[in-house]
PDB file of all heavy atoms in Angstrom:
ATOM      1  N   SER A   1     -10.264  -6.230  -8.250  1.00  0.00           N
ATOM      2  CA  SER A   1     -11.364  -5.614  -7.510  1.00  0.00           C
ATOM      3  C   SER A   1     -11.122  -4.143  -7.171  1.00  0.00           C
ATOM      4  O   SER A   1     -12.054  -3.426  -6.825  1.00  0.00           O
ATOM      5  CB  SER A   1     -11.618  -6.397  -6.207  1.00  0.00           C
ATOM      6  OG  SER A   1     -10.472  -6.418  -5.396  1.00  0.00           O
ATOM      7  N   VAL A   2      -9.861  -3.708  -7.275  1.00  0.00           N
ATOM      8  CA  VAL A   2      -9.542  -2.315  -6.895  1.00  0.00           C
ATOM      9  C   VAL A   2      -8.995  -1.489  -8.058  1.00  0.00           C
ATOM     10  O   VAL A   2      -8.756  -0.292  -7.883  1.00  0.00           O
ATOM     11  CB  VAL A   2      -8.566  -2.257  -5.705  1.00  0.00           C
ATOM     12  CG1 VAL A   2      -9.088  -3.063  -4.547  1.00  0.00           C
ATOM     13  CG2 VAL A   2      -7.182  -2.730  -6.134  1.00  0.00           C
ATOM     14  N   LYS A   3      -8.815  -2.108  -9.201  1.00  0.00           N
ATOM     15  CA  LYS A   3      -8.290  -1.362 -10.342  1.00  0.00           C
ATOM     16  C   LYS A   3      -9.179  -0.190 -10.706  1.00  0.00           C
ATOM     17  O   LYS A   3     -10.385  -0.312 -10.761  1.00  0.00           O
ATOM     18  CB  LYS A   3      -8.165  -2.307 -11.551  1.00  0.00           C
ATOM     19  CG  LYS A   3      -6.992  -3.277 -11.460  1.00  0.00           C
ATOM     20  CD  LYS A   3      -6.890  -4.113 -12.706  1.00  0.00           C
ATOM     21  CE  LYS A   3      -5.704  -5.071 -12.637  1.00  0.00           C
ATOM     22  NZ  LYS A   3      -5.613  -5.933 -13.836  1.00  0.00           N
ATOM     23  N   GLY A   4      -8.549   0.928 -10.927  1.00  0.00           N
ATOM     24  CA  GLY A   4      -9.271   2.135 -11.279  1.00  0.00           C
ATOM     25  C   GLY A   4      -9.742   2.924 -10.058  1.00  0.00           C
ATOM     26  O   GLY A   4     -10.187   4.066 -10.239  1.00  0.00           O
ATOM     27  N   ARG A   5      -9.657   2.316  -8.900  1.00  0.00           N
ATOM     28  CA  ARG A   5     -10.127   3.011  -7.674  1.00  0.00           C
ATOM     29  C   ARG A   5      -8.998   3.289  -6.697  1.00  0.00           C
ATOM     30  O   ARG A   5      -9.019   4.293  -6.014  1.00  0.00           O
ATOM     31  CB  ARG A   5     -11.203   2.174  -6.988  1.00  0.00           C
ATOM     32  CG  ARG A   5     -12.444   1.938  -7.825  1.00  0.00           C
ATOM     33  CD  ARG A   5     -13.547   1.269  -7.017  1.00  0.00           C
ATOM     34  NE  ARG A   5     -13.170  -0.024  -6.512  1.00  0.00           N
ATOM     35  CZ  ARG A   5     -13.083  -0.328  -5.208  1.00  0.00           C
ATOM     36  NH1 ARG A   5     -13.344   0.594  -4.277  1.00  0.00           N
ATOM     37  NH2 ARG A   5     -12.733  -1.548  -4.820  1.00  0.00           N
ATOM     38  N   PHE A   6      -8.037   2.397  -6.635  1.00  0.00           N
ATOM     39  CA  PHE A   6      -6.918   2.503  -5.714  1.00  0.00           C
ATOM     40  C   PHE A   6      -5.648   2.863  -6.465  1.00  0.00           C
ATOM     41  O   PHE A   6      -5.432   2.406  -7.614  1.00  0.00           O
ATOM     42  CB  PHE A   6      -6.661   1.220  -4.947  1.00  0.00           C
ATOM     43  CG  PHE A   6      -7.741   0.877  -3.952  1.00  0.00           C
ATOM     44  CD1 PHE A   6      -8.937   1.538  -3.886  1.00  0.00           C
ATOM     45  CD2 PHE A   6      -7.510  -0.162  -3.047  1.00  0.00           C
ATOM     46  CE1 PHE A   6      -9.917   1.197  -2.969  1.00  0.00           C
ATOM     47  CE2 PHE A   6      -8.476  -0.524  -2.117  1.00  0.00           C
ATOM     48  CZ  PHE A   6      -9.685   0.166  -2.088  1.00  0.00           C
ATOM     49  N   THR A   7      -4.774   3.603  -5.834  1.00  0.00           N
ATOM     50  CA  THR A   7      -3.477   3.932  -6.421  1.00  0.00           C
ATOM     51  C   THR A   7      -2.373   3.722  -5.379  1.00  0.00           C
ATOM     52  O   THR A   7      -2.455   4.290  -4.291  1.00  0.00           O
ATOM     53  CB  THR A   7      -3.421   5.373  -6.927  1.00  0.00           C
ATOM     54  OG1 THR A   7      -4.417   5.593  -7.915  1.00  0.00           O
ATOM     55  CG2 THR A   7      -2.063   5.677  -7.536  1.00  0.00           C
ATOM     56  N   ILE A   8      -1.406   2.913  -5.724  1.00  0.00           N
ATOM     57  CA  ILE A   8      -0.286   2.699  -4.831  1.00  0.00           C
ATOM     58  C   ILE A   8       0.882   3.538  -5.310  1.00  0.00           C
ATOM     59  O   ILE A   8       1.113   3.718  -6.503  1.00  0.00           O
ATOM     60  CB  ILE A   8       0.113   1.197  -4.751  1.00  0.00           C
ATOM     61  CG1 ILE A   8       1.146   0.968  -3.642  1.00  0.00           C
ATOM     62  CG2 ILE A   8       0.593   0.684  -6.094  1.00  0.00           C
ATOM     63  CD1 ILE A   8       1.415  -0.522  -3.355  1.00  0.00           C
ATOM     64  N   SER A   9       1.629   4.099  -4.369  1.00  0.00           N
ATOM     65  CA  SER A   9       2.799   4.881  -4.696  1.00  0.00           C
ATOM     66  C   SER A   9       3.816   4.741  -3.564  1.00  0.00           C
ATOM     67  O   SER A   9       3.520   4.187  -2.514  1.00  0.00           O
ATOM     68  CB  SER A   9       2.412   6.362  -4.870  1.00  0.00           C
ATOM     69  OG  SER A   9       1.854   6.910  -3.697  1.00  0.00           O
ATOM     70  N   ARG A  10       5.014   5.247  -3.807  1.00  0.00           N
ATOM     71  CA  ARG A  10       6.039   5.138  -2.773  1.00  0.00           C
ATOM     72  C   ARG A  10       7.025   6.294  -2.852  1.00  0.00           C
ATOM     73  O   ARG A  10       7.162   6.915  -3.914  1.00  0.00           O
ATOM     74  CB  ARG A  10       6.796   3.797  -2.879  1.00  0.00           C
ATOM     75  CG  ARG A  10       7.600   3.641  -4.154  1.00  0.00           C
ATOM     76  CD  ARG A  10       8.133   2.226  -4.280  1.00  0.00           C
ATOM     77  NE  ARG A  10       9.221   1.930  -3.356  1.00  0.00           N
ATOM     78  CZ  ARG A  10       9.716   0.729  -3.129  1.00  0.00           C
ATOM     79  NH1 ARG A  10       9.221  -0.313  -3.761  1.00  0.00           N
ATOM     80  NH2 ARG A  10      10.698   0.554  -2.257  1.00  0.00           N
ATOM     81  N   ASP A  11       7.635   6.552  -1.745  1.00  0.00           N
ATOM     82  CA  ASP A  11       8.667   7.560  -1.643  1.00  0.00           C
ATOM     83  C   ASP A  11       9.892   6.843  -1.114  1.00  0.00           C
ATOM     84  O   ASP A  11       9.996   6.561   0.076  1.00  0.00           O
ATOM     85  CB  ASP A  11       8.253   8.698  -0.728  1.00  0.00           C
ATOM     86  CG  ASP A  11       9.237   9.845  -0.676  1.00  0.00           C
ATOM     87  OD1 ASP A  11      10.452   9.602  -0.914  1.00  0.00           O
ATOM     88  OD2 ASP A  11       8.822  10.986  -0.447  1.00  0.00           O
ATOM     89  N   ASN A  12      10.814   6.505  -2.001  1.00  0.00           N
ATOM     90  CA  ASN A  12      11.969   5.737  -1.589  1.00  0.00           C
ATOM     91  C   ASN A  12      12.854   6.465  -0.558  1.00  0.00           C
ATOM     92  O   ASN A  12      13.449   5.852   0.314  1.00  0.00           O
ATOM     93  CB  ASN A  12      12.809   5.361  -2.813  1.00  0.00           C
ATOM     94  CG  ASN A  12      12.109   4.384  -3.712  1.00  0.00           C
ATOM     95  OD1 ASN A  12      11.267   3.594  -3.263  1.00  0.00           O
ATOM     96  ND2 ASN A  12      12.426   4.412  -5.005  1.00  0.00           N
ATOM     97  N   ALA A  13      12.951   7.754  -0.697  1.00  0.00           N
ATOM     98  CA  ALA A  13      13.753   8.540   0.221  1.00  0.00           C
ATOM     99  C   ALA A  13      13.200   8.482   1.656  1.00  0.00           C
ATOM    100  O   ALA A  13      13.931   8.600   2.625  1.00  0.00           O
ATOM    101  CB  ALA A  13      13.853   9.982  -0.228  1.00  0.00           C
ATOM    102  N   LYS A  14      11.881   8.329   1.756  1.00  0.00           N
ATOM    103  CA  LYS A  14      11.226   8.267   3.059  1.00  0.00           C
ATOM    104  C   LYS A  14      10.883   6.847   3.506  1.00  0.00           C
ATOM    105  O   LYS A  14      10.295   6.650   4.561  1.00  0.00           O
ATOM    106  CB  LYS A  14       9.956   9.109   3.046  1.00  0.00           C
ATOM    107  CG  LYS A  14      10.191  10.581   2.794  1.00  0.00           C
ATOM    108  CD  LYS A  14       8.868  11.347   2.833  1.00  0.00           C
ATOM    109  CE  LYS A  14       9.094  12.820   2.627  1.00  0.00           C
ATOM    110  NZ  LYS A  14       7.820  13.585   2.619  1.00  0.00           N
ATOM    111  N   SER A  15      11.243   5.877   2.691  1.00  0.00           N
ATOM    112  CA  SER A  15      10.951   4.469   2.969  1.00  0.00           C
ATOM    113  C   SER A  15       9.469   4.299   3.271  1.00  0.00           C
ATOM    114  O   SER A  15       9.072   3.580   4.206  1.00  0.00           O
ATOM    115  CB  SER A  15      11.802   3.966   4.152  1.00  0.00           C
ATOM    116  OG  SER A  15      13.167   4.038   3.839  1.00  0.00           O
ATOM    117  N   THR A  16       8.648   4.919   2.467  1.00  0.00           N
ATOM    118  CA  THR A  16       7.222   4.941   2.709  1.00  0.00           C
ATOM    119  C   THR A  16       6.418   4.514   1.470  1.00  0.00           C
ATOM    120  O   THR A  16       6.756   4.883   0.342  1.00  0.00           O
ATOM    121  CB  THR A  16       6.758   6.353   3.111  1.00  0.00           C
ATOM    122  OG1 THR A  16       7.455   6.747   4.290  1.00  0.00           O
ATOM    123  CG2 THR A  16       5.259   6.401   3.376  1.00  0.00           C
ATOM    124  N   VAL A  17       5.391   3.738   1.701  1.00  0.00           N
ATOM    125  CA  VAL A  17       4.468   3.347   0.647  1.00  0.00           C
ATOM    126  C   VAL A  17       3.082   3.848   1.027  1.00  0.00           C
ATOM    127  O   VAL A  17       2.694   3.859   2.194  1.00  0.00           O
ATOM    128  CB  VAL A  17       4.481   1.831   0.425  1.00  0.00           C
ATOM    129  CG1 VAL A  17       3.987   1.074   1.675  1.00  0.00           C
ATOM    130  CG2 VAL A  17       3.626   1.448  -0.753  1.00  0.00           C
ATOM    131  N   TYR A  18       2.341   4.288   0.011  1.00  0.00           N
ATOM    132  CA  TYR A  18       1.006   4.822   0.241  1.00  0.00           C
ATOM    133  C   TYR A  18      -0.020   4.024  -0.555  1.00  0.00           C
ATOM    134  O   TYR A  18       0.273   3.404  -1.581  1.00  0.00           O
ATOM    135  CB  TYR A  18       0.940   6.264  -0.255  1.00  0.00           C
ATOM    136  CG  TYR A  18       1.986   7.172   0.362  1.00  0.00           C
ATOM    137  CD1 TYR A  18       3.184   7.405  -0.307  1.00  0.00           C
ATOM    138  CD2 TYR A  18       1.746   7.829   1.557  1.00  0.00           C
ATOM    139  CE1 TYR A  18       4.156   8.232   0.230  1.00  0.00           C
ATOM    140  CE2 TYR A  18       2.725   8.659   2.099  1.00  0.00           C
ATOM    141  CZ  TYR A  18       3.914   8.858   1.434  1.00  0.00           C
ATOM    142  OH  TYR A  18       4.856   9.703   1.978  1.00  0.00           O
ATOM    143  N   LEU A  19      -1.235   4.075  -0.096  1.00  0.00           N
ATOM    144  CA  LEU A  19      -2.356   3.512  -0.838  1.00  0.00           C
ATOM    145  C   LEU A  19      -3.478   4.516  -0.810  1.00  0.00           C
ATOM    146  O   LEU A  19      -4.105   4.744   0.233  1.00  0.00           O
ATOM    147  CB  LEU A  19      -2.820   2.190  -0.253  1.00  0.00           C
ATOM    148  CG  LEU A  19      -3.917   1.478  -1.026  1.00  0.00           C
ATOM    149  CD1 LEU A  19      -3.379   1.002  -2.387  1.00  0.00           C
ATOM    150  CD2 LEU A  19      -4.480   0.289  -0.238  1.00  0.00           C
ATOM    151  N   GLN A  20      -3.707   5.156  -1.955  1.00  0.00           N
ATOM    152  CA  GLN A  20      -4.795   6.098  -2.081  1.00  0.00           C
ATOM    153  C   GLN A  20      -6.036   5.343  -2.525  1.00  0.00           C
ATOM    154  O   GLN A  20      -6.038   4.734  -3.603  1.00  0.00           O
ATOM    155  CB  GLN A  20      -4.465   7.181  -3.098  1.00  0.00           C
ATOM    156  CG  GLN A  20      -5.583   8.186  -3.362  1.00  0.00           C
ATOM    157  CD  GLN A  20      -5.896   9.041  -2.123  1.00  0.00           C
ATOM    158  OE1 GLN A  20      -4.996   9.606  -1.539  1.00  0.00           O
ATOM    159  NE2 GLN A  20      -7.153   9.119  -1.770  1.00  0.00           N
ATOM    160  N   MET A  21      -7.055   5.352  -1.701  1.00  0.00           N
ATOM    161  CA  MET A  21      -8.294   4.608  -1.974  1.00  0.00           C
ATOM    162  C   MET A  21      -9.412   5.580  -2.253  1.00  0.00           C
ATOM    163  O   MET A  21      -9.709   6.445  -1.442  1.00  0.00           O
ATOM    164  CB  MET A  21      -8.617   3.694  -0.803  1.00  0.00           C
ATOM    165  CG  MET A  21      -7.521   2.718  -0.420  1.00  0.00           C
ATOM    166  SD  MET A  21      -7.967   1.612   0.928  1.00  0.00           S
ATOM    167  CE  MET A  21      -8.070   2.803   2.287  1.00  0.00           C
ATOM    168  N   SER A  22     -10.025   5.422  -3.398  1.00  0.00           N
ATOM    169  CA  SER A  22     -11.128   6.267  -3.799  1.00  0.00           C
ATOM    170  C   SER A  22     -12.317   5.400  -4.184  1.00  0.00           C
ATOM    171  O   SER A  22     -12.202   4.204  -4.418  1.00  0.00           O
ATOM    172  CB  SER A  22     -10.744   7.163  -4.956  1.00  0.00           C
ATOM    173  OG  SER A  22      -9.655   8.003  -4.644  1.00  0.00           O
ATOM    174  N   SER A  23     -13.496   6.031  -4.295  1.00  0.00           N
ATOM    175  CA  SER A  23     -14.715   5.323  -4.623  1.00  0.00           C
ATOM    176  C   SER A  23     -14.881   4.073  -3.777  1.00  0.00           C
ATOM    177  O   SER A  23     -15.182   2.979  -4.305  1.00  0.00           O
ATOM    178  CB  SER A  23     -14.736   4.966  -6.121  1.00  0.00           C
ATOM    179  OG  SER A  23     -14.636   6.135  -6.907  1.00  0.00           O
ATOM    180  N   LEU A  24     -14.669   4.224  -2.500  1.00  0.00           N
ATOM    181  CA  LEU A  24     -14.699   3.071  -1.615  1.00  0.00           C
ATOM    182  C   LEU A  24     -16.059   2.410  -1.532  1.00  0.00           C
ATOM    183  O   LEU A  24     -17.094   3.086  -1.572  1.00  0.00           O
ATOM    184  CB  LEU A  24     -14.238   3.495  -0.220  1.00  0.00           C
ATOM    185  CG  LEU A  24     -12.721   3.685  -0.090  1.00  0.00           C
ATOM    186  CD1 LEU A  24     -12.367   4.513   1.147  1.00  0.00           C
ATOM    187  CD2 LEU A  24     -12.007   2.320  -0.051  1.00  0.00           C
ATOM    188  N   LYS A  25     -16.020   1.108  -1.427  1.00  0.00           N
ATOM    189  CA  LYS A  25     -17.234   0.290  -1.328  1.00  0.00           C
ATOM    190  C   LYS A  25     -17.254  -0.474  -0.022  1.00  0.00           C
ATOM    191  O   LYS A  25     -16.192  -0.718   0.578  1.00  0.00           O
ATOM    192  CB  LYS A  25     -17.268  -0.696  -2.498  1.00  0.00           C
ATOM    193  CG  LYS A  25     -17.184  -0.063  -3.868  1.00  0.00           C
ATOM    194  CD  LYS A  25     -17.097  -1.168  -4.939  1.00  0.00           C
ATOM    195  CE  LYS A  25     -16.963  -0.574  -6.321  1.00  0.00           C
ATOM    196  NZ  LYS A  25     -16.862  -1.644  -7.368  1.00  0.00           N
ATOM    197  N   PRO A  26     -18.406  -0.874   0.437  1.00  0.00           N
ATOM    198  CA  PRO A  26     -18.475  -1.674   1.679  1.00  0.00           C
ATOM    199  C   PRO A  26     -17.619  -2.923   1.602  1.00  0.00           C
ATOM    200  O   PRO A  26     -17.065  -3.344   2.640  1.00  0.00           O
ATOM    201  CB  PRO A  26     -19.970  -2.023   1.775  1.00  0.00           C
ATOM    202  CG  PRO A  26     -20.660  -0.864   1.151  1.00  0.00           C
ATOM    203  CD  PRO A  26     -19.769  -0.501  -0.010  1.00  0.00           C
ATOM    204  N   GLU A  27     -17.458  -3.497   0.443  1.00  0.00           N
ATOM    205  CA  GLU A  27     -16.640  -4.700   0.283  1.00  0.00           C
ATOM    206  C   GLU A  27     -15.147  -4.431   0.493  1.00  0.00           C
ATOM    207  O   GLU A  27     -14.361  -5.376   0.593  1.00  0.00           O
ATOM    208  CB  GLU A  27     -16.879  -5.319  -1.102  1.00  0.00           C
ATOM    209  CG  GLU A  27     -16.409  -4.441  -2.256  1.00  0.00           C
ATOM    210  CD  GLU A  27     -16.884  -4.940  -3.605  1.00  0.00           C
ATOM    211  OE1 GLU A  27     -18.073  -4.714  -3.930  1.00  0.00           O
ATOM    212  OE2 GLU A  27     -16.112  -5.573  -4.334  1.00  0.00           O
ATOM    213  N   ASP A  28     -14.768  -3.175   0.539  1.00  0.00           N
ATOM    214  CA  ASP A  28     -13.373  -2.834   0.820  1.00  0.00           C
ATOM    215  C   ASP A  28     -13.072  -2.871   2.314  1.00  0.00           C
ATOM    216  O   ASP A  28     -11.912  -2.742   2.711  1.00  0.00           O
ATOM    217  CB  ASP A  28     -13.046  -1.434   0.294  1.00  0.00           C
ATOM    218  CG  ASP A  28     -13.134  -1.350  -1.226  1.00  0.00           C
ATOM    219  OD1 ASP A  28     -12.663  -2.267  -1.885  1.00  0.00           O
ATOM    220  OD2 ASP A  28     -13.669  -0.346  -1.727  1.00  0.00           O
ATOM    221  N   THR A  29     -14.078  -3.043   3.118  1.00  0.00           N
ATOM    222  CA  THR A  29     -13.897  -3.103   4.576  1.00  0.00           C
ATOM    223  C   THR A  29     -12.991  -4.290   4.933  1.00  0.00           C
ATOM    224  O   THR A  29     -13.291  -5.429   4.590  1.00  0.00           O
ATOM    225  CB  THR A  29     -15.239  -3.235   5.287  1.00  0.00           C
ATOM    226  OG1 THR A  29     -16.017  -2.054   5.053  1.00  0.00           O
ATOM    227  CG2 THR A  29     -15.041  -3.384   6.779  1.00  0.00           C
ATOM    228  N   ALA A  30     -11.919  -3.997   5.632  1.00  0.00           N
ATOM    229  CA  ALA A  30     -10.965  -5.027   6.024  1.00  0.00           C
ATOM    230  C   ALA A  30      -9.849  -4.381   6.855  1.00  0.00           C
ATOM    231  O   ALA A  30      -9.762  -3.166   6.979  1.00  0.00           O
ATOM    232  CB  ALA A  30     -10.364  -5.690   4.772  1.00  0.00           C
ATOM    233  N   VAL A  31      -9.013  -5.235   7.396  1.00  0.00           N
ATOM    234  CA  VAL A  31      -7.779  -4.782   7.977  1.00  0.00           C
ATOM    235  C   VAL A  31      -6.735  -4.763   6.885  1.00  0.00           C
ATOM    236  O   VAL A  31      -6.538  -5.774   6.223  1.00  0.00           O
ATOM    237  CB  VAL A  31      -7.305  -5.662   9.139  1.00  0.00           C
ATOM    238  CG1 VAL A  31      -5.977  -5.184   9.690  1.00  0.00           C
ATOM    239  CG2 VAL A  31      -8.352  -5.662  10.261  1.00  0.00           C
ATOM    240  N   TYR A  32      -6.097  -3.644   6.698  1.00  0.00           N
ATOM    241  CA  TYR A  32      -5.080  -3.494   5.659  1.00  0.00           C
ATOM    242  C   TYR A  32      -3.697  -3.594   6.241  1.00  0.00           C
ATOM    243  O   TYR A  32      -3.374  -2.935   7.242  1.00  0.00           O
ATOM    244  CB  TYR A  32      -5.259  -2.162   4.921  1.00  0.00           C
ATOM    245  CG  TYR A  32      -6.442  -2.158   3.985  1.00  0.00           C
ATOM    246  CD1 TYR A  32      -7.742  -2.198   4.465  1.00  0.00           C
ATOM    247  CD2 TYR A  32      -6.245  -2.128   2.607  1.00  0.00           C
ATOM    248  CE1 TYR A  32      -8.823  -2.216   3.612  1.00  0.00           C
ATOM    249  CE2 TYR A  32      -7.316  -2.167   1.733  1.00  0.00           C
ATOM    250  CZ  TYR A  32      -8.609  -2.210   2.231  1.00  0.00           C
ATOM    251  OH  TYR A  32      -9.675  -2.234   1.373  1.00  0.00           O
ATOM    252  N   TYR A  33      -2.865  -4.403   5.630  1.00  0.00           N
ATOM    253  CA  TYR A  33      -1.511  -4.658   6.097  1.00  0.00           C
ATOM    254  C   TYR A  33      -0.476  -4.226   5.054  1.00  0.00           C
ATOM    255  O   TYR A  33      -0.635  -4.490   3.872  1.00  0.00           O
ATOM    256  CB  TYR A  33      -1.289  -6.133   6.372  1.00  0.00           C
ATOM    257  CG  TYR A  33      -2.170  -6.697   7.474  1.00  0.00           C
ATOM    258  CD1 TYR A  33      -3.403  -7.267   7.162  1.00  0.00           C
ATOM    259  CD2 TYR A  33      -1.768  -6.700   8.791  1.00  0.00           C
ATOM    260  CE1 TYR A  33      -4.211  -7.799   8.154  1.00  0.00           C
ATOM    261  CE2 TYR A  33      -2.548  -7.228   9.786  1.00  0.00           C
ATOM    262  CZ  TYR A  33      -3.785  -7.784   9.462  1.00  0.00           C
ATOM    263  OH  TYR A  33      -4.561  -8.330  10.445  1.00  0.00           O
ATOM    264  N   CYS A  34       0.570  -3.614   5.523  1.00  0.00           N
ATOM    265  CA  CYS A  34       1.694  -3.264   4.694  1.00  0.00           C
ATOM    266  C   CYS A  34       2.712  -4.378   4.691  1.00  0.00           C
ATOM    267  O   CYS A  34       2.951  -5.030   5.718  1.00  0.00           O
ATOM    268  CB  CYS A  34       2.319  -1.972   5.244  1.00  0.00           C
ATOM    269  SG  CYS A  34       3.824  -1.431   4.400  1.00  0.00           S
ATOM    270  N   ASN A  35       3.306  -4.624   3.539  1.00  0.00           N
ATOM    271  CA  ASN A  35       4.315  -5.658   3.413  1.00  0.00           C
ATOM    272  C   ASN A  35       5.461  -5.113   2.561  1.00  0.00           C
ATOM    273  O   ASN A  35       5.253  -4.310   1.656  1.00  0.00           O
ATOM    274  CB  ASN A  35       3.726  -6.914   2.743  1.00  0.00           C
ATOM    275  CG  ASN A  35       4.758  -7.934   2.401  1.00  0.00           C
ATOM    276  OD1 ASN A  35       5.131  -8.131   1.232  1.00  0.00           O
ATOM    277  ND2 ASN A  35       5.267  -8.641   3.397  1.00  0.00           N
ATOM    278  N   ALA A  36       6.688  -5.574   2.864  1.00  0.00           N
ATOM    279  CA  ALA A  36       7.820  -5.084   2.098  1.00  0.00           C
ATOM    280  C   ALA A  36       8.920  -6.140   2.031  1.00  0.00           C
ATOM    281  O   ALA A  36       9.093  -6.909   2.943  1.00  0.00           O
ATOM    282  CB  ALA A  36       8.384  -3.817   2.702  1.00  0.00           C
ATOM    283  N   GLY A  37       9.638  -6.130   0.924  1.00  0.00           N
ATOM    284  CA  GLY A  37      10.829  -6.948   0.773  1.00  0.00           C
ATOM    285  C   GLY A  37      12.022  -6.113   1.190  1.00  0.00           C
ATOM    286  O   GLY A  37      12.279  -5.071   0.597  1.00  0.00           O
ATOM    287  N   ILE A  38      12.734  -6.557   2.195  1.00  0.00           N
ATOM    288  CA  ILE A  38      13.767  -5.741   2.796  1.00  0.00           C
ATOM    289  C   ILE A  38      15.071  -6.523   2.953  1.00  0.00           C
ATOM    290  O   ILE A  38      15.061  -7.697   3.365  1.00  0.00           O
ATOM    291  CB  ILE A  38      13.322  -5.223   4.179  1.00  0.00           C
ATOM    292  CG1 ILE A  38      12.146  -4.261   3.994  1.00  0.00           C
ATOM    293  CG2 ILE A  38      14.475  -4.494   4.898  1.00  0.00           C
ATOM    294  CD1 ILE A  38      11.509  -3.786   5.302  1.00  0.00           C
ATOM    295  N   ARG A  39      16.170  -5.888   2.635  1.00  0.00           N
ATOM    296  CA  ARG A  39      17.496  -6.415   2.939  1.00  0.00           C
ATOM    297  C   ARG A  39      18.048  -5.638   4.096  1.00  0.00           C
ATOM    298  O   ARG A  39      18.133  -4.400   4.056  1.00  0.00           O
ATOM    299  CB  ARG A  39      18.407  -6.347   1.727  1.00  0.00           C
ATOM    300  CG  ARG A  39      19.788  -6.948   1.974  1.00  0.00           C
ATOM    301  CD  ARG A  39      20.478  -7.290   0.647  1.00  0.00           C
ATOM    302  NE  ARG A  39      20.761  -6.092  -0.136  1.00  0.00           N
ATOM    303  CZ  ARG A  39      21.894  -5.414  -0.079  1.00  0.00           C
ATOM    304  NH1 ARG A  39      22.865  -5.807   0.765  1.00  0.00           N
ATOM    305  NH2 ARG A  39      22.088  -4.320  -0.828  1.00  0.00           N
ATOM    306  N   THR A  40      18.437  -6.333   5.144  1.00  0.00           N
ATOM    307  CA  THR A  40      18.907  -5.678   6.357  1.00  0.00           C
ATOM    308  C   THR A  40      20.425  -5.509   6.323  1.00  0.00           C
ATOM    309  O   THR A  40      21.099  -5.986   5.423  1.00  0.00           O
ATOM    310  CB  THR A  40      18.517  -6.459   7.605  1.00  0.00           C
ATOM    311  OG1 THR A  40      19.117  -7.750   7.591  1.00  0.00           O
ATOM    312  CG2 THR A  40      16.999  -6.635   7.647  1.00  0.00           C
ATOM    313  N   VAL A  41      20.923  -4.852   7.318  1.00  0.00           N
ATOM    314  CA  VAL A  41      22.352  -4.624   7.445  1.00  0.00           C
ATOM    315  C   VAL A  41      23.158  -5.918   7.520  1.00  0.00           C
ATOM    316  O   VAL A  41      24.212  -6.047   6.903  1.00  0.00           O
ATOM    317  CB  VAL A  41      22.658  -3.728   8.655  1.00  0.00           C
ATOM    318  CG1 VAL A  41      24.172  -3.624   8.870  1.00  0.00           C
ATOM    319  CG2 VAL A  41      22.059  -2.347   8.464  1.00  0.00           C
ATOM    320  N   VAL A  42      22.618  -6.882   8.244  1.00  0.00           N
ATOM    321  CA  VAL A  42      23.348  -8.145   8.459  1.00  0.00           C
ATOM    322  C   VAL A  42      23.038  -9.220   7.431  1.00  0.00           C
ATOM    323  O   VAL A  42      23.729 -10.219   7.336  1.00  0.00           O
ATOM    324  CB  VAL A  42      23.078  -8.701   9.877  1.00  0.00           C
ATOM    325  CG1 VAL A  42      23.562  -7.735  10.925  1.00  0.00           C
ATOM    326  CG2 VAL A  42      21.603  -9.008  10.050  1.00  0.00           C
ATOM    327  N   GLY A  43      21.984  -9.029   6.666  1.00  0.00           N
ATOM    328  CA  GLY A  43      21.588 -10.030   5.688  1.00  0.00           C
ATOM    329  C   GLY A  43      21.968  -9.685   4.279  1.00  0.00           C
ATOM    330  O   GLY A  43      22.036  -8.532   3.883  1.00  0.00           O
TER     331      GLY A  43
END
């Protein structure tokens, strides 16, 4: 549903992920959540 309109990218040095959304449609209305697979210091 978002191919060609959204672009995901990341900056590993900044531990940041981005989502560039273009040509937005009303159906894109939602709460957007970030998720990540992380290994911690103790795990």
